[in-house]
Amino acid sequence: MRKHALFIICFVLLSISVLGLDITPETQDVSVFTNSAENAYVNLTNNGDKPLYSVSLSASNSDISFIDNDFDLGTNQTKQVKMIISTSATYTETLFVDVIYYERVDVTLQPTEDQISINNGGFDPNDKEVVEGSTIVWTNNDTISHSVTCDRFDVELQPGEQHTYVFSDVGIINYYDKFTNYNGKITILGKQGEDYAHNPNDDLSFALNVNSKKVETTLSIQLIDGDNFTVESNRQKDSVLLVENTGDSTAQSISFKGEWITYGKSDFYLSPGDKTYVTFTISPQIMSSTETNQTYTKQIIAYSNNTLDVNQNISIFVPYMSNVSVEDTVSEFFNNTLDDDFLMALHNMVCLANPEYTYCTPEIKEVVVYRSPPINVNYSTEDVHNMFRKQADIYNKVERSDKEMNKLISQLNEESTTTRDATVEMKRMVEQLMENQDDSDSQIDTISYIILIIFLVVIMILGGWIGMRKLKVYIEDHKAART
């Protein structure tokens, strides 16, 4: 009857308290291969006004296990719990995880009857807590006489004898055995106190949509240029990855992931026994000089819908650089991002919104495209290396051509400026000559001289204009050839 009364009191106190345990997310999807494991995480936040104790998670399905599963949660505190899903069979099912916890509540404690044994080692137990009104029974289980002596009583117990006492006052009683100097202590608590209580109506749960599937094939990856790279801060390094399907089924939706690494190909299929080359770019994310002159270990991870993940570690050494800052990193990011493809995408986006712009309506030209029939070609590792080297050589030649073109334009602009200055000087001289002529004969000679000079100036201007036209045509043809 007393236990029922205690439970009712605890239930009422829990019901009126302000509790707020939030679970994020309440539902999540988990894909796992049979005979392997996948991790999932859930965040528990106590938004209530009281601490929670012995918070734990449980699941009826043994495929789910928990790490660090019994903990206390203070007010406004969040705890992330790691779950491991490991399956041995294929299935698609929603599994529920229950979250239970305890709270300290005010309760009325009931008196009890407790035993203390006296043996050749002393009082057992020698430190006891009881509620006021509780009874203590000492029993001499030794072969010699002992005493229980304190300021309230002093009794001698022969072997097998007992002494009973009811403690009705709150306080601490220290006692001892005057024959052996054994010591003991009794702490008497008031009937009003606190205890841990669990209300099943406050338990919460969340769902895991588990898709357990069978491994259908296997992948392997190989680094063509090895696994050691040296990349300067805010720079990039390109390399090649060989991916092979070594299983008996088609690998579906192969993709890659890895910190500091971007890939030139993803979400593709690979038939059994087939291989493919995938380019990847390493871009160290360095924010300060202290992060340079170090070697970092990163992972290339290949995964698909029906294979296990394949991991390959690479070592990236970042040489020392001074004055590395976040601004440099952001600037370098934009310099590397604003390539031709990005600018074309930006052009298309602007013209889609503003088709009336002049540069959005280029002249339509008829173009004949010649297509050759497809030819199946298998490239060796050496072929791939040569293709990359030729591509880099072409880029270098184009860059040198751009520099030479800019130099030629600069020289032409300087010559045009010189011609313009000469024309102004000639005009000034002609005006001065006209003012200094006294007789008509001299004036006629001067006029003839002026006409000759003007004719020469016109010839020079016309020649400069023709040169500028030819240069413009040459630039346009050069740009068309690059495109």
Protein backbone atom coordinates (compact mmCIF):
# COMPACT_ATOMS: atom_id res chain seq x y z
CA MET A 1 0.00 0.00 0.00
CA ARG A 2 2.86 2.36 0.82
CA LYS A 3 4.53 1.66 -2.54
CA HIS A 4 1.31 2.51 -4.38
CA ALA A 5 0.99 5.76 -2.46
CA LEU A 6 4.61 6.69 -3.28
CA PHE A 7 4.04 6.03 -7.00
CA ILE A 8 0.89 8.19 -7.06
CA ILE A 9 2.73 11.08 -5.40
CA CYS A 10 5.61 10.82 -7.88
CA PHE A 11 3.21 10.67 -10.84
CA VAL A 12 1.35 13.80 -9.72
CA LEU A 13 4.58 15.75 -9.15
CA LEU A 14 5.97 14.74 -12.54
CA SER A 15 2.73 15.69 -14.28
CA ILE A 16 2.74 19.25 -12.95
CA SER A 17 6.45 19.90 -13.63
CA VAL A 18 7.48 21.73 -16.77
CA LEU A 19 9.37 19.28 -19.01
CA GLY A 20 10.67 19.87 -22.49
CA LEU A 21 12.88 17.18 -23.98
CA ASP A 22 13.31 17.81 -27.72
CA ILE A 23 14.58 15.21 -30.20
CA THR A 24 16.28 16.27 -33.44
CA PRO A 25 15.63 14.80 -35.93
CA GLU A 26 12.45 12.97 -35.05
CA THR A 27 12.74 10.84 -38.21
CA GLN A 28 15.77 9.95 -40.31
CA ASP A 29 16.61 7.57 -43.13
CA VAL A 30 19.47 5.11 -42.74
CA SER A 31 20.86 2.94 -45.55
CA VAL A 32 23.09 0.08 -44.50
CA PHE A 33 24.58 -2.96 -46.19
CA THR A 34 24.15 -6.37 -44.62
CA ASN A 35 27.01 -7.61 -42.43
CA SER A 36 28.30 -4.06 -42.10
CA ALA A 37 27.55 -1.06 -39.89
CA GLU A 38 26.32 2.49 -40.45
CA ASN A 39 26.36 5.34 -37.93
CA ALA A 40 23.47 7.67 -37.17
CA TYR A 41 23.18 10.54 -34.69
CA VAL A 42 20.37 12.14 -32.69
CA ASN A 43 20.40 15.31 -30.57
CA LEU A 44 18.53 15.46 -27.24
CA THR A 45 17.89 18.92 -25.76
CA ASN A 46 16.45 19.64 -22.31
CA ASN A 47 14.30 22.76 -22.69
CA GLY A 48 12.58 22.24 -19.34
CA ASP A 49 13.16 23.90 -15.98
CA LYS A 50 14.57 20.82 -14.21
CA PRO A 51 17.57 18.58 -14.83
CA LEU A 52 16.94 15.10 -16.19
CA TYR A 53 18.77 12.06 -14.87
CA SER A 54 19.75 8.66 -16.29
CA VAL A 55 18.61 9.57 -19.79
CA SER A 56 18.87 6.45 -21.96
CA LEU A 57 17.77 5.13 -25.34
CA SER A 58 16.42 1.68 -26.06
CA ALA A 59 15.17 -0.18 -29.14
CA SER A 60 13.31 -3.45 -29.43
CA ASN A 61 15.36 -4.34 -32.53
CA SER A 62 18.83 -5.64 -31.66
CA ASP A 63 20.24 -4.18 -34.91
CA ILE A 64 20.50 -0.82 -33.13
CA SER A 65 23.09 -0.18 -30.43
CA PHE A 66 24.02 3.02 -28.62
CA ILE A 67 27.24 4.72 -27.51
CA ASP A 68 27.32 6.68 -24.21
CA ASN A 69 23.71 5.79 -23.52
CA ASP A 70 23.24 6.66 -19.82
CA PHE A 71 23.76 10.32 -18.93
CA ASP A 72 22.32 13.31 -17.09
CA LEU A 73 21.00 16.33 -19.00
CA GLY A 74 20.95 19.77 -17.37
CA THR A 75 18.56 22.56 -18.29
CA ASN A 76 19.19 24.06 -21.76
CA GLN A 77 21.78 21.35 -22.41
CA THR A 78 22.09 19.28 -25.60
CA LYS A 79 23.59 15.82 -25.92
CA GLN A 80 24.39 14.05 -29.20
CA VAL A 81 23.98 10.28 -29.05
CA LYS A 82 25.69 8.01 -31.55
CA MET A 83 23.77 5.00 -32.84
CA ILE A 84 25.22 2.04 -34.73
CA ILE A 85 22.94 0.17 -37.12
CA SER A 86 24.27 -3.27 -38.04
CA THR A 87 22.13 -5.75 -39.99
CA SER A 88 22.48 -9.36 -41.13
CA ALA A 89 19.47 -9.54 -43.48
CA THR A 90 17.87 -7.36 -46.14
CA TYR A 91 14.74 -5.44 -45.14
CA THR A 92 13.07 -2.05 -45.30
CA GLU A 93 11.42 -1.18 -42.01
CA THR A 94 10.74 1.70 -39.63
CA LEU A 95 12.36 1.05 -36.27
CA PHE A 96 11.42 3.07 -33.20
CA VAL A 97 13.80 4.17 -30.46
CA ASP A 98 12.43 5.03 -27.00
CA VAL A 99 13.93 7.75 -24.79
CA ILE A 100 13.39 7.40 -21.05
CA TYR A 101 14.62 9.56 -18.18
CA TYR A 102 14.25 10.19 -14.44
CA GLU A 103 13.60 13.34 -12.45
CA ARG A 104 14.20 14.17 -8.81
CA VAL A 105 10.91 14.80 -7.04
CA ASP A 106 9.77 15.54 -3.49
CA VAL A 107 8.52 12.37 -1.76
CA THR A 108 7.54 11.17 1.71
CA LEU A 109 10.02 8.52 2.83
CA GLN A 110 8.79 5.56 4.84
CA PRO A 111 10.49 4.06 7.94
CA THR A 112 12.28 0.74 7.49
CA GLU A 113 13.85 -2.00 9.59
CA ASP A 114 17.55 -2.57 8.95
CA GLN A 115 20.14 -5.08 10.18
CA ILE A 116 23.71 -4.44 11.35
CA SER A 117 26.01 -7.43 11.91
CA ILE A 118 28.89 -7.50 14.41
CA ASN A 119 31.74 -9.82 13.39
CA ASN A 120 35.50 -10.11 13.76
CA GLY A 121 35.93 -7.18 11.32
CA GLY A 122 33.63 -4.71 13.10
CA PHE A 123 30.15 -3.37 12.38
CA ASP A 124 28.71 -4.28 8.96
CA PRO A 125 27.65 -1.83 7.64
CA ASN A 126 29.41 0.71 9.82
CA ASP A 127 27.71 3.75 8.16
CA LYS A 128 23.93 3.63 7.71
CA GLU A 129 21.25 6.13 6.60
CA VAL A 130 17.66 5.62 7.78
CA VAL A 131 14.42 7.61 7.90
CA GLU A 132 13.11 8.84 11.26
CA GLY A 133 10.99 6.14 12.86
CA SER A 134 13.14 3.35 11.39
CA THR A 135 14.37 0.39 13.46
CA ILE A 136 17.96 -0.88 13.65
CA VAL A 137 18.75 -4.41 14.86
CA TRP A 138 22.36 -5.20 15.89
CA THR A 139 23.31 -8.91 15.97
CA ASN A 140 26.56 -10.27 17.43
CA ASN A 141 27.69 -12.85 14.89
CA ASP A 142 31.19 -13.14 16.36
CA THR A 143 32.55 -15.69 18.89
CA ILE A 144 33.37 -13.08 21.53
CA SER A 145 31.41 -10.39 23.37
CA HIS A 146 30.86 -6.93 21.83
CA SER A 147 29.06 -3.78 22.89
CA VAL A 148 26.98 -1.11 21.15
CA THR A 149 27.76 2.04 23.07
CA CYS A 150 26.59 5.64 22.41
CA ASP A 151 25.09 8.58 24.27
CA ARG A 152 21.62 6.98 24.04
CA PHE A 153 22.35 3.42 25.16
CA ASP A 154 25.15 1.06 26.17
CA VAL A 155 24.46 -2.64 25.73
CA GLU A 156 26.75 -5.69 25.86
CA LEU A 157 25.94 -8.50 23.44
CA GLN A 158 27.12 -12.05 23.87
CA PRO A 159 27.61 -14.22 20.75
CA GLY A 160 24.21 -14.66 19.05
CA GLU A 161 22.44 -11.88 21.02
CA GLN A 162 20.60 -8.89 19.42
CA HIS A 163 19.79 -5.31 20.33
CA THR A 164 16.90 -3.33 18.76
CA TYR A 165 16.42 0.44 18.79
CA VAL A 166 13.90 2.80 17.09
CA PHE A 167 15.34 6.15 15.99
CA SER A 168 12.61 8.81 16.17
CA ASP A 169 14.78 11.95 16.03
CA VAL A 170 16.59 13.43 13.03
CA GLY A 171 20.35 13.60 13.53
CA ILE A 172 23.61 11.64 13.55
CA ILE A 173 24.42 8.94 16.12
CA ASN A 174 28.05 7.85 16.51
CA TYR A 175 28.58 4.59 18.40
CA TYR A 176 31.42 2.18 19.15
CA ASP A 177 32.39 -1.20 20.64
CA LYS A 178 34.19 -0.60 23.94
CA PHE A 179 35.82 -4.04 23.81
CA THR A 180 37.44 -3.68 20.38
CA ASN A 181 37.15 0.06 19.60
CA TYR A 182 35.11 -0.68 16.43
CA ASN A 183 33.19 2.45 15.28
CA GLY A 184 29.86 2.98 13.52
CA LYS A 185 27.52 5.80 12.48
CA ILE A 186 23.76 6.13 12.01
CA THR A 187 22.32 9.10 10.05
CA ILE A 188 18.60 9.71 10.64
CA LEU A 189 16.83 11.64 7.85
CA GLY A 190 13.49 13.37 7.91
CA LYS A 191 10.53 11.75 6.19
CA GLN A 192 10.28 14.56 3.62
CA GLY A 193 13.00 14.18 0.94
CA GLU A 194 13.83 13.67 -2.74
CA ASP A 195 14.03 10.59 -4.90
CA TYR A 196 14.46 9.66 -8.58
CA ALA A 197 11.17 8.95 -10.33
CA HIS A 198 10.27 7.82 -13.84
CA ASN A 199 6.93 8.63 -15.44
CA PRO A 200 6.27 6.32 -18.44
CA ASN A 201 3.78 8.84 -19.85
CA ASP A 202 6.65 11.27 -20.46
CA ASP A 203 8.75 8.82 -22.48
CA LEU A 204 9.50 9.94 -26.05
CA SER A 205 10.43 8.10 -29.23
CA PHE A 206 11.80 8.74 -32.71
CA ALA A 207 11.91 6.72 -35.92
CA LEU A 208 14.70 5.26 -38.03
CA ASN A 209 13.68 4.27 -41.56
CA VAL A 210 16.21 1.49 -42.10
CA ASN A 211 16.94 0.20 -45.58
CA SER A 212 19.13 -2.88 -45.21
CA LYS A 213 20.42 -3.99 -48.59
CA LYS A 214 22.81 -6.56 -49.94
CA VAL A 215 26.23 -5.74 -51.33
CA GLU A 216 25.96 -6.55 -55.04
CA THR A 217 29.44 -5.76 -56.31
CA THR A 218 32.79 -4.27 -55.28
CA LEU A 219 34.86 -1.27 -56.30
CA SER A 220 38.60 -0.61 -56.24
CA ILE A 221 40.41 2.70 -56.67
CA GLN A 222 44.03 3.39 -57.60
CA LEU A 223 45.94 6.66 -57.51
CA ILE A 224 47.83 7.12 -60.79
CA ASP A 225 50.32 9.68 -59.42
CA GLY A 226 50.80 8.05 -55.99
CA ASP A 227 49.42 9.13 -52.64
CA ASN A 228 51.90 11.91 -51.70
CA PHE A 229 51.23 15.45 -52.90
CA THR A 230 52.81 18.85 -52.34
CA VAL A 231 50.41 21.76 -52.83
CA GLU A 232 51.11 25.38 -51.94
CA SER A 233 48.65 27.33 -49.85
CA ASN A 234 45.74 28.71 -51.90
CA ARG A 235 46.89 26.71 -54.94
CA GLN A 236 45.56 23.58 -56.64
CA LYS A 237 46.93 20.24 -57.74
CA ASP A 238 45.33 17.96 -60.33
CA SER A 239 45.68 14.18 -60.46
CA VAL A 240 43.94 11.09 -61.81
CA LEU A 241 42.10 8.25 -60.11
CA LEU A 242 41.48 4.82 -61.68
CA VAL A 243 38.15 3.27 -60.65
CA GLU A 244 37.41 -0.38 -61.40
CA ASN A 245 34.35 -2.57 -60.86
CA THR A 246 35.84 -5.83 -59.59
CA GLY A 247 32.49 -7.50 -58.88
CA ASP A 248 29.86 -9.34 -60.89
CA SER A 249 27.12 -6.67 -61.08
CA THR A 250 26.86 -3.12 -62.37
CA ALA A 251 27.92 -0.52 -59.79
CA GLN A 252 25.17 2.11 -59.60
CA SER A 253 25.52 5.87 -59.09
CA ILE A 254 29.23 5.93 -58.24
CA SER A 255 30.24 9.18 -56.57
CA PHE A 256 33.10 10.55 -54.47
CA LYS A 257 33.63 12.66 -51.40
CA GLY A 258 36.59 13.95 -49.44
CA GLU A 259 37.75 17.07 -47.65
CA TRP A 260 39.81 19.52 -49.78
CA ILE A 261 39.06 17.44 -52.91
CA THR A 262 36.74 18.02 -55.87
CA TYR A 263 36.09 15.49 -58.60
CA GLY A 264 35.61 15.80 -62.35
CA LYS A 265 33.07 12.98 -62.57
CA SER A 266 30.29 11.62 -60.36
CA ASP A 267 26.97 9.74 -60.35
CA PHE A 268 27.90 7.25 -63.06
CA TYR A 269 27.48 3.52 -63.64
CA LEU A 270 30.24 0.98 -64.20
CA SER A 271 29.71 -2.49 -65.65
CA PRO A 272 31.48 -5.56 -64.20
CA GLY A 273 35.18 -5.57 -65.10
CA ASP A 274 35.10 -2.03 -66.52
CA LYS A 275 37.51 0.74 -65.58
CA THR A 276 37.36 4.49 -65.85
CA TYR A 277 39.65 7.42 -65.11
CA VAL A 278 38.39 10.22 -62.85
CA THR A 279 40.27 13.49 -62.45
CA PHE A 280 40.36 15.19 -59.07
CA THR A 281 41.68 18.51 -57.77
CA ILE A 282 43.29 19.10 -54.38
CA SER A 283 42.68 22.59 -52.94
CA PRO A 284 44.11 23.06 -49.42
CA GLN A 285 41.93 25.26 -47.22
CA ILE A 286 44.62 27.13 -45.27
CA MET A 287 43.63 30.17 -43.19
CA SER A 288 46.92 31.21 -41.55
CA SER A 289 50.69 30.81 -41.86
CA THR A 290 50.76 28.55 -38.80
CA GLU A 291 48.82 25.95 -40.78
CA THR A 292 51.53 25.76 -43.46
CA ASN A 293 54.71 23.65 -43.44
CA GLN A 294 52.61 20.69 -42.35
CA THR A 295 51.48 17.37 -43.80
CA TYR A 296 47.76 16.61 -43.77
CA THR A 297 46.10 13.22 -44.25
CA LYS A 298 42.86 13.32 -46.23
CA GLN A 299 40.59 10.60 -47.60
CA ILE A 300 39.27 9.90 -51.06
CA ILE A 301 36.00 8.01 -50.58
CA ALA A 302 34.23 6.21 -53.44
CA TYR A 303 30.67 5.03 -52.82
CA SER A 304 27.63 3.83 -54.74
CA ASN A 305 24.10 2.53 -54.24
CA ASN A 306 25.11 -1.13 -54.18
CA THR A 307 28.72 -1.29 -52.97
CA LEU A 308 30.59 -0.68 -49.77
CA ASP A 309 32.56 2.54 -49.46
CA VAL A 310 36.16 2.39 -50.64
CA ASN A 311 38.65 4.67 -48.86
CA GLN A 312 42.10 5.79 -49.97
CA ASN A 313 44.30 7.99 -47.77
CA ILE A 314 46.49 10.65 -49.34
CA SER A 315 49.19 12.82 -47.75
CA ILE A 316 49.22 16.53 -48.63
CA PHE A 317 52.24 18.61 -47.69
CA VAL A 318 51.60 22.37 -47.61
CA PRO A 319 54.94 24.29 -47.79
CA TYR A 320 55.54 27.28 -45.57
CA MET A 321 54.04 30.58 -46.71
CA SER A 322 54.00 33.87 -44.84
CA ASN A 323 51.15 36.38 -44.68
CA VAL A 324 48.45 33.81 -45.41
CA SER A 325 45.04 35.26 -44.51
CA VAL A 326 41.38 34.56 -45.00
CA GLU A 327 41.23 37.39 -47.53
CA ASP A 328 43.89 35.68 -49.65
CA THR A 329 41.96 32.44 -49.53
CA VAL A 330 38.72 34.11 -50.62
CA SER A 331 40.49 36.02 -53.41
CA GLU A 332 42.15 32.87 -54.68
CA PHE A 333 38.81 31.08 -54.59
CA PHE A 334 37.24 33.65 -56.90
CA ASN A 335 40.25 33.64 -59.21
CA ASN A 336 39.98 29.88 -59.58
CA THR A 337 36.20 29.90 -59.85
CA LEU A 338 35.78 32.54 -62.57
CA ASP A 339 36.69 30.22 -65.43
CA ASP A 340 35.15 30.17 -68.90
CA ASP A 341 32.37 27.80 -67.91
CA PHE A 342 31.38 29.98 -64.98
CA LEU A 343 31.38 33.15 -67.08
CA MET A 344 29.28 31.44 -69.77
CA ALA A 345 26.77 30.33 -67.12
CA LEU A 346 26.67 33.91 -65.79
CA HIS A 347 26.19 35.23 -69.33
CA ASN A 348 23.27 32.85 -69.93
CA MET A 349 21.64 33.83 -66.64
CA VAL A 350 21.88 37.58 -67.38
CA CYS A 351 20.64 37.20 -70.96
CA LEU A 352 17.71 35.06 -69.83
CA ALA A 353 16.54 37.90 -67.60
CA ASN A 354 17.50 40.71 -70.04
CA PRO A 355 17.25 39.46 -73.64
CA GLU A 356 17.17 43.03 -74.96
CA TYR A 357 20.85 43.61 -74.19
CA THR A 358 22.99 43.98 -77.31
CA TYR A 359 25.50 41.30 -76.42
CA CYS A 360 22.62 38.88 -75.74
CA THR A 361 21.62 38.85 -79.44
CA PRO A 362 24.77 37.83 -81.33
CA GLU A 363 24.87 37.58 -85.09
CA ILE A 364 23.63 34.19 -86.25
CA LYS A 365 26.09 32.45 -88.50
CA GLU A 366 25.62 29.25 -90.42
CA VAL A 367 28.02 26.61 -89.15
CA VAL A 368 28.65 23.22 -90.68
CA VAL A 369 29.54 20.59 -88.09
CA TYR A 370 31.38 17.50 -89.23
CA ARG A 371 30.92 14.44 -87.04
CA SER A 372 32.97 11.30 -87.16
CA PRO A 373 31.53 7.90 -86.26
CA PRO A 374 32.20 6.83 -82.64
CA ILE A 375 35.33 4.77 -82.15
CA ASN A 376 35.94 2.67 -79.02
CA VAL A 377 39.39 3.55 -77.70
CA ASN A 378 41.19 2.18 -74.64
CA TYR A 379 43.75 4.58 -73.15
CA SER A 380 46.75 3.43 -71.20
CA THR A 381 48.13 5.26 -68.17
CA GLU A 382 50.90 6.73 -70.35
CA ASP A 383 48.31 7.98 -72.86
CA VAL A 384 46.39 9.77 -70.09
CA HIS A 385 49.61 11.40 -68.83
CA ASN A 386 50.51 12.56 -72.35
CA MET A 387 47.05 14.03 -72.93
CA PHE A 388 47.27 16.07 -69.73
CA ARG A 389 50.77 17.26 -70.61
CA LYS A 390 49.65 18.32 -74.13
CA GLN A 391 46.67 20.14 -72.68
CA ALA A 392 48.94 22.04 -70.28
CA ASP A 393 51.30 22.90 -73.18
CA ILE A 394 48.39 24.30 -75.24
CA TYR A 395 47.27 26.45 -72.30
CA ASN A 396 50.82 27.81 -71.91
CA LYS A 397 51.07 28.69 -75.62
CA VAL A 398 47.68 30.45 -75.54
CA GLU A 399 48.77 32.41 -72.47
CA ARG A 400 52.01 33.49 -74.21
CA SER A 401 50.02 34.52 -77.31
CA ASP A 402 47.76 36.66 -75.14
CA LYS A 403 50.79 38.40 -73.63
CA GLU A 404 52.33 39.08 -77.07
CA MET A 405 48.98 40.39 -78.37
CA ASN A 406 48.65 42.79 -75.43
CA LYS A 407 52.22 43.98 -75.98
CA LEU A 408 51.51 44.68 -79.69
CA ILE A 409 48.36 46.64 -78.86
CA SER A 410 50.31 48.71 -76.32
CA GLN A 411 52.99 49.57 -78.88
CA LEU A 412 50.37 50.59 -81.45
CA ASN A 413 48.70 52.86 -78.92
CA GLU A 414 52.06 54.52 -78.23
CA GLU A 415 52.69 55.10 -81.95
CA SER A 416 49.20 56.57 -82.39
CA THR A 417 49.89 58.98 -79.55
CA THR A 418 53.20 60.04 -81.15
CA THR A 419 51.48 60.68 -84.51
CA ARG A 420 48.83 62.78 -82.81
CA ASP A 421 51.49 64.91 -81.10
CA ALA A 422 53.36 65.43 -84.40
CA THR A 423 50.19 66.61 -86.11
CA VAL A 424 49.55 69.19 -83.39
CA GLU A 425 53.13 70.46 -83.65
CA MET A 426 52.86 70.78 -87.45
CA LYS A 427 49.67 72.76 -87.13
CA ARG A 428 51.34 75.13 -84.68
CA MET A 429 54.28 75.65 -87.04
CA VAL A 430 51.96 76.37 -89.98
CA GLU A 431 50.11 79.03 -88.01
CA GLN A 432 53.38 80.64 -86.99
CA LEU A 433 54.63 80.69 -90.59
CA MET A 434 51.44 82.36 -91.80
CA GLU A 435 51.81 85.15 -89.26
CA ASN A 436 55.42 85.84 -90.20
CA GLN A 437 54.95 86.15 -94.02
CA ASP A 438 55.25 89.79 -95.35
CA ASP A 439 54.86 89.67 -99.04
CA SER A 440 52.40 87.87 -101.30
CA ASP A 441 55.04 85.70 -102.98
CA SER A 442 56.12 84.40 -99.64
CA GLN A 443 52.50 83.81 -98.72
CA ILE A 444 51.91 81.75 -101.87
CA ASP A 445 54.99 79.65 -101.12
CA THR A 446 53.81 79.24 -97.55
CA ILE A 447 50.31 78.16 -98.66
CA SER A 448 51.82 75.57 -100.98
CA TYR A 449 53.97 74.32 -98.16
CA ILE A 450 50.93 74.11 -95.89
CA ILE A 451 48.96 72.14 -98.48
CA LEU A 452 51.84 69.70 -98.82
CA ILE A 453 52.04 69.23 -95.07
CA ILE A 454 48.27 68.68 -94.78
CA PHE A 455 48.44 66.11 -97.55
CA LEU A 456 51.20 64.25 -95.73
CA VAL A 457 49.27 64.34 -92.46
CA VAL A 458 46.17 62.94 -94.18
CA ILE A 459 48.27 60.14 -95.67
CA MET A 460 49.67 59.30 -92.21
CA ILE A 461 46.22 59.28 -90.57
CA LEU A 462 44.80 57.09 -93.34
CA GLY A 463 47.69 54.66 -92.96
CA GLY A 464 47.19 54.47 -89.19
CA TRP A 465 43.47 53.82 -89.63
CA ILE A 466 44.12 50.99 -92.09
CA GLY A 467 46.65 49.47 -89.66
CA MET A 468 44.14 49.58 -86.80
CA ARG A 469 41.52 47.79 -88.91
CA LYS A 470 43.93 45.02 -89.83
CA LEU A 471 44.95 44.59 -86.19
CA LYS A 472 41.29 44.34 -85.11
CA VAL A 473 40.62 41.63 -87.73
CA TYR A 474 43.72 39.76 -86.56
CA ILE A 475 42.55 39.87 -82.91
CA GLU A 476 39.07 38.61 -83.81
CA ASP A 477 40.50 35.77 -85.90
CA HIS A 478 42.83 34.83 -83.03
CA LYS A 479 39.95 34.72 -80.53
CA ALA A 480 37.84 32.66 -82.93
CA ALA A 481 40.72 30.20 -83.32
CA ARG A 482 41.00 29.84 -79.52
CA THR A 483 37.29 29.20 -79.21
